[in-house]
Protein backbone atom coordinates (compact mmCIF):
# COMPACT_ATOMS: atom_id res chain seq x y z
CA UNK A 1 85.04 119.97 98.54
CA UNK A 2 84.39 116.48 99.87
CA UNK A 3 81.60 115.07 102.00
CA UNK A 4 82.51 112.97 105.03
CA UNK A 5 81.73 109.83 103.00
CA UNK A 6 84.06 110.92 100.20
CA UNK A 7 86.76 111.93 102.69
CA UNK A 8 86.41 108.58 104.44
CA UNK A 9 86.78 106.69 101.16
CA UNK A 10 89.73 108.76 99.95
CA UNK A 11 91.58 108.37 103.26
CA UNK A 12 90.52 104.82 104.00
CA UNK A 13 89.56 106.17 107.42
CA UNK A 14 86.17 105.41 108.97
CA UNK A 15 83.73 108.32 109.00
CA UNK A 16 83.19 107.83 112.74
CA UNK A 17 86.92 108.42 113.28
CA UNK A 18 86.74 111.69 111.33
CA UNK A 19 83.69 112.73 113.35
CA UNK A 20 85.57 111.87 116.55
CA UNK A 21 88.53 114.02 115.51
CA UNK A 22 86.11 116.87 114.82
CA UNK A 23 84.32 116.49 118.17
CA UNK A 24 87.70 116.47 119.93
CA UNK A 25 88.54 119.82 118.37
CA UNK A 26 91.27 118.42 116.15
CA UNK A 27 89.67 119.78 112.97
CA UNK A 28 89.06 123.41 113.90
CA UNK A 29 88.61 124.76 110.37
CA UNK A 30 86.09 122.29 108.98
CA UNK A 31 83.36 124.02 107.03
CA UNK A 32 79.73 122.94 106.98
CA UNK A 33 77.06 123.20 104.33
CA UNK A 34 73.63 124.76 104.87
CA UNK A 35 72.41 121.49 106.39
CA UNK A 36 75.29 121.29 108.89
CA UNK A 37 77.13 118.54 107.03
CA UNK A 38 80.92 118.64 107.23
CA UNK A 39 82.80 119.66 104.09
CA UNK A 40 86.48 118.90 103.58
CA UNK A 41 89.06 120.32 101.21
CA UNK A 42 92.42 118.82 100.25
CA UNK A 43 94.19 120.57 103.13
CA UNK A 44 91.71 119.00 105.58
CA UNK A 45 92.31 115.57 104.07
CA UNK A 46 96.07 116.02 104.36
CA UNK A 47 95.70 116.96 108.03
CA UNK A 48 93.43 113.97 108.76
CA UNK A 49 95.93 111.69 107.02
CA UNK A 50 98.70 113.10 109.21
CA UNK A 51 96.61 112.66 112.37
CA UNK A 52 95.94 109.05 111.37
CA UNK A 53 99.70 108.52 111.12
CA UNK A 54 100.24 110.18 114.49
CA UNK A 55 97.64 107.89 116.06
CA UNK A 56 99.10 104.80 114.36
CA UNK A 57 102.45 105.60 115.94
CA UNK A 58 100.96 106.00 119.40
CA UNK A 59 100.56 109.76 119.72
CA UNK A 60 97.79 110.60 122.16
CA UNK A 61 94.74 112.70 121.32
CA UNK A 62 96.03 115.20 123.89
CA UNK A 63 99.35 115.39 122.02
CA UNK A 64 97.61 116.01 118.73
CA UNK A 65 95.35 118.58 120.38
CA UNK A 66 98.43 120.40 121.67
CA UNK A 67 99.85 120.58 118.13
CA UNK A 68 96.51 121.87 116.79
CA UNK A 69 96.28 124.53 119.50
CA UNK A 70 99.85 125.64 118.86
CA UNK A 71 99.26 125.71 115.10
CA UNK A 72 96.28 128.00 115.61
CA UNK A 73 98.60 130.45 117.35
CA UNK A 74 100.68 130.82 114.20
CA UNK A 75 104.27 130.58 113.10
CA UNK A 76 105.63 131.73 116.45
CA UNK A 77 104.93 128.20 117.77
CA UNK A 78 106.80 126.28 115.07
CA UNK A 79 109.73 125.53 117.40
CA UNK A 80 107.36 124.09 120.01
CA UNK A 81 105.55 121.95 117.44
CA UNK A 82 108.87 120.76 116.06
CA UNK A 83 110.04 119.79 119.56
CA UNK A 84 106.86 117.76 120.13
CA UNK A 85 107.35 115.92 116.85
CA UNK A 86 111.05 115.32 117.46
CA UNK A 87 110.25 113.78 120.84
CA UNK A 88 107.53 111.65 119.27
CA UNK A 89 109.90 110.55 116.51
CA UNK A 90 112.46 109.45 119.10
CA UNK A 91 109.77 107.36 120.79
CA UNK A 92 108.88 105.79 117.44
CA UNK A 93 112.52 104.87 116.84
CA UNK A 94 112.63 103.10 120.22
CA UNK A 95 109.41 101.23 119.48
CA UNK A 96 110.68 100.29 116.04
CA UNK A 97 113.85 98.78 117.52
CA UNK A 98 111.79 96.74 119.98
CA UNK A 99 109.64 95.50 117.10
CA UNK A 100 112.72 94.70 114.98
CA UNK A 101 114.20 92.65 117.85
CA UNK A 102 110.90 90.85 118.40
CA UNK A 103 110.58 90.16 114.67
CA UNK A 104 114.06 88.63 114.63
CA UNK A 105 113.24 86.43 117.64
CA UNK A 106 110.03 85.19 115.99
CA UNK A 107 111.89 84.55 112.74
CA UNK A 108 114.55 82.52 114.53
CA UNK A 109 111.92 80.49 116.36
CA UNK A 110 110.12 79.79 113.06
CA UNK A 111 113.42 78.62 111.59
CA UNK A 112 113.86 76.22 114.51
CA UNK A 113 110.35 74.86 113.98
CA UNK A 114 110.89 74.51 110.24
CA UNK A 115 114.07 72.53 110.83
CA UNK A 116 112.37 70.34 113.42
CA UNK A 117 109.49 69.61 111.04
CA UNK A 118 111.99 68.79 108.29
CA UNK A 119 113.78 66.30 110.57
CA UNK A 120 116.91 68.41 111.10
CA UNK A 121 116.76 69.47 114.77
CA UNK A 122 120.51 69.87 115.09
CA UNK A 123 120.65 72.14 112.01
CA UNK A 124 118.46 74.75 113.66
CA UNK A 125 120.70 74.95 116.71
CA UNK A 126 123.90 75.04 114.65
CA UNK A 127 122.52 77.76 112.38
CA UNK A 128 121.57 79.83 115.40
CA UNK A 129 125.03 79.42 116.97
CA UNK A 130 126.78 80.23 113.67
CA UNK A 131 124.75 83.45 113.36
CA UNK A 132 125.93 84.49 116.78
CA UNK A 133 129.57 83.86 115.84
CA UNK A 134 129.43 85.71 112.48
CA UNK A 135 131.36 88.99 112.45
CA UNK A 136 129.35 92.06 111.64
CA UNK A 137 130.25 94.58 108.98
CA UNK A 138 129.34 97.54 111.16
CA UNK A 139 131.69 100.43 110.76
CA UNK A 140 132.91 99.40 107.29
């Protein structure tokens, strides 16, 4: 069993975040000691780690709460939970593509600036144009 401090350190997750999850009803099976302090086992830590990932990818507290409530109803809700996660995963893929495109644009702009600082302004434009004209290997 772990205290909230130990759980926080193991997960690299602030204790106030863990307390928030608990207050929001996202940790329904957390035990408490005789003094009312939260106690966590490995399964609790795994769930908190998963919730942290959900939050990092933009899942709402309401979405997580829905999964928790469905999970408490048992295995009959696995299909519903899976559907929620599949929808969330599709949203993550879209966000990831937007980030990949933005990263490429920033990288190209940095290349332009590097070439300008190195006294080769025409090189940056030519490199950019050549990249556009290069055939892709997609489908091979």
